[in-house]
Amino acid sequence: MNYNPSPKNRFKESLLNKNVFTITCELVPGRGSRSKAQDNLLAFAEKAALGGQIQALSITENAGGHPALSPEVLGKEILKLGIDPVMSG
């Protein structure tokens, strides 16, 4: 994974710009902290950051009532990749 912190908040900028259609994508973390599911989510996040089409990634907490990795843990990793995480609980 590349460490590519973005100096600007693409999500906020897109919301404030009436000429931009804001696109977000929802991620649902798995149970383990270093599982194939988490690796796949981070790989997707990296592609989203580099692609520039998605402004933010939403991370749900306990989707469907199933215990999972904390959104804050995954959010920190996603932020390091250069895309804004939006965490819901």
N, C-alpha and C. Protein backbone atom coordinates (compact mmCIF):
# COMPACT_ATOMS: atom_id res chain seq x y z
N MET A 1 0.83 -1.18 0.00
CA MET A 1 0.00 0.00 0.00
C MET A 1 0.89 1.25 0.00
N ASN A 2 0.49 2.21 -0.74
CA ASN A 2 1.23 3.47 -0.80
C ASN A 2 0.73 4.42 0.27
N TYR A 3 1.65 5.19 0.83
CA TYR A 3 1.25 6.24 1.76
C TYR A 3 1.19 7.52 0.96
N ASN A 4 -0.02 8.04 0.79
CA ASN A 4 -0.22 9.20 -0.07
C ASN A 4 -1.21 10.17 0.59
N PRO A 5 -0.81 10.83 1.67
CA PRO A 5 -1.76 11.73 2.33
C PRO A 5 -2.11 12.90 1.44
N SER A 6 -3.38 13.16 1.33
CA SER A 6 -3.85 14.28 0.51
C SER A 6 -3.85 15.55 1.35
N PRO A 7 -3.22 16.62 0.86
CA PRO A 7 -3.19 17.85 1.64
C PRO A 7 -4.53 18.55 1.71
N LYS A 8 -5.45 18.17 0.84
CA LYS A 8 -6.76 18.82 0.87
C LYS A 8 -7.86 17.79 1.10
N ASN A 9 -8.98 18.25 1.53
CA ASN A 9 -10.13 17.40 1.81
C ASN A 9 -11.00 17.36 0.55
N ARG A 10 -10.79 16.35 -0.29
CA ARG A 10 -11.53 16.25 -1.56
C ARG A 10 -13.03 16.15 -1.33
N PHE A 11 -13.41 15.46 -0.26
CA PHE A 11 -14.83 15.29 0.03
C PHE A 11 -15.48 16.64 0.34
N LYS A 12 -14.88 17.42 1.23
CA LYS A 12 -15.42 18.73 1.59
C LYS A 12 -15.46 19.65 0.38
N GLU A 13 -14.37 19.65 -0.38
CA GLU A 13 -14.32 20.52 -1.57
C GLU A 13 -15.41 20.16 -2.57
N SER A 14 -15.67 18.87 -2.76
CA SER A 14 -16.71 18.47 -3.71
C SER A 14 -18.10 18.87 -3.24
N LEU A 15 -18.32 18.81 -1.92
CA LEU A 15 -19.62 19.22 -1.38
C LEU A 15 -19.86 20.72 -1.53
N LEU A 16 -18.79 21.49 -1.47
CA LEU A 16 -18.91 22.95 -1.58
C LEU A 16 -18.92 23.45 -3.02
N ASN A 17 -18.57 22.60 -3.96
CA ASN A 17 -18.51 23.00 -5.36
C ASN A 17 -19.77 22.53 -6.08
N LYS A 18 -20.61 23.47 -6.48
CA LYS A 18 -21.88 23.11 -7.12
C LYS A 18 -21.69 22.49 -8.49
N ASN A 19 -20.50 22.55 -9.05
CA ASN A 19 -20.22 21.97 -10.36
C ASN A 19 -19.67 20.55 -10.28
N VAL A 20 -19.58 20.01 -9.08
CA VAL A 20 -19.05 18.66 -8.89
C VAL A 20 -20.14 17.76 -8.31
N PHE A 21 -20.28 16.58 -8.91
CA PHE A 21 -21.18 15.57 -8.37
C PHE A 21 -20.37 14.70 -7.42
N THR A 22 -20.70 14.73 -6.16
CA THR A 22 -19.93 14.02 -5.14
C THR A 22 -20.28 12.53 -5.16
N ILE A 23 -19.23 11.72 -5.21
CA ILE A 23 -19.40 10.27 -5.22
C ILE A 23 -18.70 9.69 -3.99
N THR A 24 -19.44 8.88 -3.24
CA THR A 24 -18.87 8.15 -2.11
C THR A 24 -19.19 6.67 -2.31
N CYS A 25 -18.49 5.85 -1.59
CA CYS A 25 -18.71 4.41 -1.65
C CYS A 25 -18.70 3.88 -0.22
N GLU A 26 -19.62 2.97 0.08
CA GLU A 26 -19.69 2.42 1.43
C GLU A 26 -18.88 1.14 1.54
N LEU A 27 -18.08 1.06 2.59
CA LEU A 27 -17.30 -0.13 2.89
C LEU A 27 -17.83 -0.78 4.17
N VAL A 28 -17.84 -2.09 4.20
CA VAL A 28 -18.28 -2.82 5.38
C VAL A 28 -17.09 -3.66 5.85
N PRO A 29 -16.48 -3.27 6.99
CA PRO A 29 -15.32 -4.02 7.48
C PRO A 29 -15.69 -5.43 7.93
N GLY A 30 -14.70 -6.31 7.85
CA GLY A 30 -14.88 -7.67 8.35
C GLY A 30 -14.52 -7.74 9.83
N ARG A 31 -14.45 -8.95 10.35
CA ARG A 31 -14.23 -9.12 11.78
C ARG A 31 -12.77 -8.94 12.19
N GLY A 32 -11.86 -9.50 11.45
CA GLY A 32 -10.46 -9.49 11.87
C GLY A 32 -9.74 -8.22 11.51
N SER A 33 -8.66 -7.95 12.24
CA SER A 33 -7.90 -6.73 11.97
C SER A 33 -7.01 -6.88 10.75
N ARG A 34 -6.50 -8.06 10.46
CA ARG A 34 -5.67 -8.27 9.28
C ARG A 34 -6.16 -9.51 8.56
N SER A 35 -7.30 -9.41 7.96
CA SER A 35 -7.86 -10.53 7.22
C SER A 35 -7.86 -10.20 5.73
N LYS A 36 -8.17 -11.19 4.92
CA LYS A 36 -8.25 -10.96 3.48
C LYS A 36 -9.32 -9.91 3.17
N ALA A 37 -10.41 -9.91 3.93
CA ALA A 37 -11.46 -8.92 3.72
C ALA A 37 -10.93 -7.50 3.93
N GLN A 38 -10.15 -7.30 4.99
CA GLN A 38 -9.59 -5.96 5.25
C GLN A 38 -8.57 -5.59 4.18
N ASP A 39 -7.76 -6.56 3.77
CA ASP A 39 -6.78 -6.30 2.71
C ASP A 39 -7.48 -5.89 1.42
N ASN A 40 -8.60 -6.54 1.11
CA ASN A 40 -9.36 -6.19 -0.09
C ASN A 40 -9.96 -4.79 0.02
N LEU A 41 -10.46 -4.43 1.20
CA LEU A 41 -11.01 -3.09 1.40
C LEU A 41 -9.92 -2.03 1.21
N LEU A 42 -8.74 -2.28 1.77
CA LEU A 42 -7.65 -1.31 1.65
C LEU A 42 -7.15 -1.22 0.21
N ALA A 43 -7.14 -2.34 -0.51
CA ALA A 43 -6.75 -2.32 -1.92
C ALA A 43 -7.75 -1.49 -2.73
N PHE A 44 -9.04 -1.66 -2.43
CA PHE A 44 -10.07 -0.86 -3.10
C PHE A 44 -9.90 0.62 -2.77
N ALA A 45 -9.64 0.92 -1.50
CA ALA A 45 -9.46 2.30 -1.07
C ALA A 45 -8.27 2.94 -1.79
N GLU A 46 -7.21 2.18 -1.95
CA GLU A 46 -6.03 2.71 -2.65
C GLU A 46 -6.36 3.02 -4.11
N LYS A 47 -7.08 2.13 -4.76
CA LYS A 47 -7.48 2.37 -6.15
C LYS A 47 -8.41 3.58 -6.25
N ALA A 48 -9.32 3.70 -5.28
CA ALA A 48 -10.24 4.84 -5.28
C ALA A 48 -9.48 6.15 -5.10
N ALA A 49 -8.49 6.14 -4.22
CA ALA A 49 -7.69 7.35 -3.97
C ALA A 49 -6.92 7.75 -5.22
N LEU A 50 -6.33 6.78 -5.87
CA LEU A 50 -5.52 7.07 -7.06
C LEU A 50 -6.38 7.42 -8.26
N GLY A 51 -7.58 6.85 -8.34
CA GLY A 51 -8.47 7.09 -9.48
C GLY A 51 -9.06 8.49 -9.51
N GLY A 52 -9.28 9.07 -8.34
CA GLY A 52 -9.80 10.43 -8.27
C GLY A 52 -11.28 10.61 -8.57
N GLN A 53 -12.01 9.53 -8.85
CA GLN A 53 -13.44 9.65 -9.16
C GLN A 53 -14.32 9.63 -7.92
N ILE A 54 -13.83 9.00 -6.86
CA ILE A 54 -14.57 8.88 -5.61
C ILE A 54 -13.97 9.85 -4.61
N GLN A 55 -14.81 10.67 -3.98
CA GLN A 55 -14.32 11.69 -3.06
C GLN A 55 -14.17 11.20 -1.63
N ALA A 56 -14.91 10.18 -1.24
CA ALA A 56 -14.83 9.69 0.14
C ALA A 56 -15.32 8.25 0.21
N LEU A 57 -14.88 7.56 1.25
CA LEU A 57 -15.32 6.19 1.51
C LEU A 57 -16.01 6.16 2.87
N SER A 58 -17.24 5.71 2.88
CA SER A 58 -18.01 5.60 4.11
C SER A 58 -17.76 4.22 4.71
N ILE A 59 -17.52 4.19 6.02
CA ILE A 59 -17.26 2.92 6.71
C ILE A 59 -18.34 2.71 7.75
N THR A 60 -19.11 1.64 7.60
CA THR A 60 -20.19 1.38 8.54
C THR A 60 -19.68 0.64 9.77
N GLU A 61 -20.38 0.79 10.86
CA GLU A 61 -20.04 0.11 12.10
C GLU A 61 -21.09 -0.94 12.40
N ASN A 62 -20.65 -2.17 12.56
CA ASN A 62 -21.54 -3.29 12.89
C ASN A 62 -22.72 -3.40 11.93
N ALA A 63 -22.42 -3.40 10.65
CA ALA A 63 -23.48 -3.51 9.64
C ALA A 63 -24.31 -4.76 9.87
N GLY A 64 -25.61 -4.60 9.86
CA GLY A 64 -26.51 -5.72 10.08
C GLY A 64 -26.44 -6.31 11.47
N GLY A 65 -25.85 -5.58 12.41
CA GLY A 65 -25.73 -6.05 13.78
C GLY A 65 -24.59 -7.05 14.00
N HIS A 66 -23.72 -7.20 12.99
CA HIS A 66 -22.60 -8.13 13.09
C HIS A 66 -21.36 -7.40 13.59
N PRO A 67 -20.73 -7.89 14.64
CA PRO A 67 -19.52 -7.25 15.15
C PRO A 67 -18.43 -7.26 14.09
N ALA A 68 -17.71 -6.15 14.00
CA ALA A 68 -16.65 -6.03 13.00
C ALA A 68 -15.57 -5.09 13.52
N LEU A 69 -14.52 -4.98 12.75
CA LEU A 69 -13.43 -4.07 13.07
C LEU A 69 -13.96 -2.65 13.20
N SER A 70 -13.46 -1.90 14.15
CA SER A 70 -13.89 -0.52 14.37
C SER A 70 -13.64 0.34 13.14
N PRO A 71 -14.60 1.16 12.73
CA PRO A 71 -14.40 2.04 11.58
C PRO A 71 -13.20 2.98 11.74
N GLU A 72 -12.91 3.37 12.98
CA GLU A 72 -11.80 4.29 13.21
C GLU A 72 -10.46 3.66 12.82
N VAL A 73 -10.31 2.38 13.08
CA VAL A 73 -9.07 1.68 12.74
C VAL A 73 -8.88 1.67 11.22
N LEU A 74 -9.91 1.26 10.51
CA LEU A 74 -9.85 1.22 9.06
C LEU A 74 -9.76 2.64 8.47
N GLY A 75 -10.46 3.58 9.10
CA GLY A 75 -10.44 4.97 8.62
C GLY A 75 -9.06 5.58 8.64
N LYS A 76 -8.28 5.27 9.67
CA LYS A 76 -6.90 5.80 9.75
C LYS A 76 -6.06 5.28 8.60
N GLU A 77 -6.23 4.02 8.27
CA GLU A 77 -5.48 3.43 7.15
C GLU A 77 -5.91 4.03 5.82
N ILE A 78 -7.20 4.26 5.66
CA ILE A 78 -7.73 4.84 4.43
C ILE A 78 -7.24 6.27 4.26
N LEU A 79 -7.24 7.03 5.33
CA LEU A 79 -6.76 8.41 5.27
C LEU A 79 -5.29 8.46 4.81
N LYS A 80 -4.50 7.51 5.26
CA LYS A 80 -3.09 7.45 4.84
C LYS A 80 -2.96 7.23 3.34
N LEU A 81 -3.96 6.62 2.73
CA LEU A 81 -3.92 6.34 1.29
C LEU A 81 -4.29 7.56 0.46
N GLY A 82 -4.81 8.61 1.11
CA GLY A 82 -5.12 9.84 0.40
C GLY A 82 -6.56 10.04 0.02
N ILE A 83 -7.46 9.34 0.68
CA ILE A 83 -8.89 9.55 0.44
C ILE A 83 -9.59 9.72 1.78
N ASP A 84 -10.63 10.51 1.81
CA ASP A 84 -11.29 10.84 3.06
C ASP A 84 -12.24 9.74 3.52
N PRO A 85 -12.08 9.28 4.77
CA PRO A 85 -13.05 8.32 5.32
C PRO A 85 -14.20 9.07 6.00
N VAL A 86 -15.39 8.51 5.88
CA VAL A 86 -16.56 9.03 6.59
C VAL A 86 -17.07 7.86 7.42
N MET A 87 -17.01 7.99 8.74
CA MET A 87 -17.38 6.88 9.61
C MET A 87 -18.75 7.09 10.21
N SER A 88 -19.55 6.02 10.17
CA SER A 88 -20.89 6.10 10.75
C SER A 88 -21.02 5.05 11.83
N GLY A 89 -21.83 5.33 12.78
CA GLY A 89 -21.99 4.38 13.87
C GLY A 89 -23.41 4.18 14.24
